[in-house]
Structures are given as structure tokens and as C-alpha cells.
Amino acid sequence: MLWFYSRDEEALRVETRYDNRTAEYVLIVHWSDGRQQEERFTIGSHFRERLVELEIQLAAERWARSGPPAILRDGWPDKRPV
């Protein structure tokens, strides 16, 4: 999924997906300055905890969600993760 955020004239994207090849949850932040920050998690609860932490961080930095998330066609588990 893609989540969109804005702050003043800046915009960033938060991408969440599942990598079936490595069996990892993937978080990618596409920062407004062009940087990409990728984090990978093998445990779903750790991934969810990190997403909550990131939402808190973005809110503290005055980023606000802009529009609904976009659902990606790929990036979903082929089978239920353990």
C-alpha cells in the first residue's frame, strides 16, 4: 500500500508491502528530498509496531495524511505468513 503525507509544500510516501521471495515485511519511506529509507521485518508484530512509531514521528514533525491510501497490485503475501 502507499500512504501519502504532506507538510507545507513538501510531500512524502510511505510504502508497505510483503516480499514473498525473502518472507519479509517491507517499509519504504520516500522522503520529499528524494531519499529512500527501507526497513525489513521477519515478524509481523514488529512491522506493525514500527508503523505506529513512524506515524507518531510523522505527526510530531507536522506531516499530515493527504488523501486515501493506494492499494498496490503486488506486495501481498502469496500465502499466510507465519
C-alpha atoms as a PDB file:
ATOM      1  CA  MET A   1       0.000   0.000   0.000  1.00  0.00           C
ATOM      2  CA  LEU A   2       1.051   3.583  -0.488  1.00  0.00           C
ATOM      3  CA  TRP A   3       0.254   6.207   2.120  1.00  0.00           C
ATOM      4  CA  PHE A   4       0.627   9.879   1.185  1.00  0.00           C
ATOM      5  CA  TYR A   5       1.659  12.696   3.519  1.00  0.00           C
ATOM      6  CA  SER A   6       2.154  16.418   3.069  1.00  0.00           C
ATOM      7  CA  ARG A   7       3.629  19.291   5.030  1.00  0.00           C
ATOM      8  CA  ASP A   8       3.574  22.826   3.653  1.00  0.00           C
ATOM      9  CA  GLU A   9       4.859  22.396   0.072  1.00  0.00           C
ATOM     10  CA  GLU A  10       6.536  19.024   0.739  1.00  0.00           C
ATOM     11  CA  ALA A  11       5.196  15.531   0.117  1.00  0.00           C
ATOM     12  CA  LEU A  12       6.311  12.035   1.059  1.00  0.00           C
ATOM     13  CA  ARG A  13       5.103   8.465   0.512  1.00  0.00           C
ATOM     14  CA  VAL A  14       5.131   5.517   2.865  1.00  0.00           C
ATOM     15  CA  GLU A  15       5.095   2.194   1.035  1.00  0.00           C
ATOM     16  CA  THR A  16       4.243  -1.058   2.797  1.00  0.00           C
ATOM     17  CA  ARG A  17       4.498  -4.444   1.138  1.00  0.00           C
ATOM     18  CA  TYR A  18       5.414  -8.084   1.663  1.00  0.00           C
ATOM     19  CA  ASP A  19       8.439  -9.617  -0.071  1.00  0.00           C
ATOM     20  CA  ASN A  20       7.460 -13.203  -0.880  1.00  0.00           C
ATOM     21  CA  ARG A  21      10.996 -14.067  -2.002  1.00  0.00           C
ATOM     22  CA  THR A  22      12.530 -13.289   1.408  1.00  0.00           C
ATOM     23  CA  ALA A  23       9.363 -13.695   3.558  1.00  0.00           C
ATOM     24  CA  GLU A  24       9.794 -10.177   4.954  1.00  0.00           C
ATOM     25  CA  TYR A  25       7.502  -7.236   5.566  1.00  0.00           C
ATOM     26  CA  VAL A  26       8.935  -4.144   3.891  1.00  0.00           C
ATOM     27  CA  LEU A  27       8.565  -0.486   4.842  1.00  0.00           C
ATOM     28  CA  ILE A  28       9.895   2.130   2.431  1.00  0.00           C
ATOM     29  CA  VAL A  29       9.714   5.853   3.145  1.00  0.00           C
ATOM     30  CA  HIS A  30      10.124   8.021   0.045  1.00  0.00           C
ATOM     31  CA  TRP A  31      11.210  11.336   1.591  1.00  0.00           C
ATOM     32  CA  SER A  32      10.484  14.671  -0.090  1.00  0.00           C
ATOM     33  CA  ASP A  33      14.206  15.271  -0.755  1.00  0.00           C
ATOM     34  CA  GLY A  34      14.455  12.101  -2.859  1.00  0.00           C
ATOM     35  CA  ARG A  35      15.944   9.806  -0.209  1.00  0.00           C
ATOM     36  CA  GLN A  36      14.510   6.342   0.319  1.00  0.00           C
ATOM     37  CA  GLN A  37      14.628   4.612   3.663  1.00  0.00           C
ATOM     38  CA  GLU A  38      13.928   0.860   3.568  1.00  0.00           C
ATOM     39  CA  GLU A  39      13.373  -1.362   6.585  1.00  0.00           C
ATOM     40  CA  ARG A  40      12.615  -5.096   6.605  1.00  0.00           C
ATOM     41  CA  PHE A  41      10.939  -7.241   9.247  1.00  0.00           C
ATOM     42  CA  THR A  42      10.504 -11.002   9.572  1.00  0.00           C
ATOM     43  CA  ILE A  43       7.982 -10.682  12.409  1.00  0.00           C
ATOM     44  CA  GLY A  44       4.614  -9.099  11.622  1.00  0.00           C
ATOM     45  CA  SER A  45       4.105  -7.599  15.080  1.00  0.00           C
ATOM     46  CA  HIS A  46       7.477  -5.808  14.863  1.00  0.00           C
ATOM     47  CA  PHE A  47       6.467  -4.417  11.475  1.00  0.00           C
ATOM     48  CA  ARG A  48       3.170  -3.113  12.881  1.00  0.00           C
ATOM     49  CA  GLU A  49       4.931  -1.580  15.901  1.00  0.00           C
ATOM     50  CA  ARG A  50       7.349   0.238  13.581  1.00  0.00           C
ATOM     51  CA  LEU A  51       4.437   1.591  11.519  1.00  0.00           C
ATOM     52  CA  VAL A  52       2.876   3.038  14.673  1.00  0.00           C
ATOM     53  CA  GLU A  53       6.225   4.589  15.663  1.00  0.00           C
ATOM     54  CA  LEU A  54       6.574   6.108  12.196  1.00  0.00           C
ATOM     55  CA  GLU A  55       3.050   7.574  12.308  1.00  0.00           C
ATOM     56  CA  ILE A  56       3.853   9.190  15.669  1.00  0.00           C
ATOM     57  CA  GLN A  57       7.152  10.548  14.300  1.00  0.00           C
ATOM     58  CA  LEU A  58       5.480  11.993  11.203  1.00  0.00           C
ATOM     59  CA  ALA A  59       2.733  13.627  13.282  1.00  0.00           C
ATOM     60  CA  ALA A  60       5.357  15.178  15.588  1.00  0.00           C
ATOM     61  CA  GLU A  61       7.118  16.561  12.500  1.00  0.00           C
ATOM     62  CA  ARG A  62       3.785  18.056  11.304  1.00  0.00           C
ATOM     63  CA  TRP A  63       3.255  15.633   8.404  1.00  0.00           C
ATOM     64  CA  ALA A  64      -0.430  15.018   7.685  1.00  0.00           C
ATOM     65  CA  ARG A  65      -2.021  12.292   5.598  1.00  0.00           C
ATOM     66  CA  SER A  66      -3.161  13.612   2.249  1.00  0.00           C
ATOM     67  CA  GLY A  67      -5.821  11.505   0.615  1.00  0.00           C
ATOM     68  CA  PRO A  68      -6.657   7.837   0.850  1.00  0.00           C
ATOM     69  CA  PRO A  69      -4.016   5.110   0.586  1.00  0.00           C
ATOM     70  CA  ALA A  70      -3.398   3.455  -2.770  1.00  0.00           C
ATOM     71  CA  ILE A  71      -3.588  -0.308  -2.888  1.00  0.00           C
ATOM     72  CA  LEU A  72      -0.742  -1.892  -4.844  1.00  0.00           C
ATOM     73  CA  ARG A  73      -1.423  -4.949  -7.005  1.00  0.00           C
ATOM     74  CA  ASP A  74       1.759  -6.667  -5.881  1.00  0.00           C
ATOM     75  CA  GLY A  75       3.438  -6.795  -2.498  1.00  0.00           C
ATOM     76  CA  TRP A  76       0.915  -9.108  -0.832  1.00  0.00           C
ATOM     77  CA  PRO A  77       1.760 -12.480   0.709  1.00  0.00           C
ATOM     78  CA  ASP A  78       1.323 -15.478  -1.626  1.00  0.00           C
ATOM     79  CA  LYS A  79       0.275 -17.440   1.463  1.00  0.00           C
ATOM     80  CA  ARG A  80      -0.468 -16.508   5.064  1.00  0.00           C
ATOM     81  CA  PRO A  81       2.824 -15.513   6.799  1.00  0.00           C
ATOM     82  CA  VAL A  82       3.809 -17.425   9.923  1.00  0.00           C
END
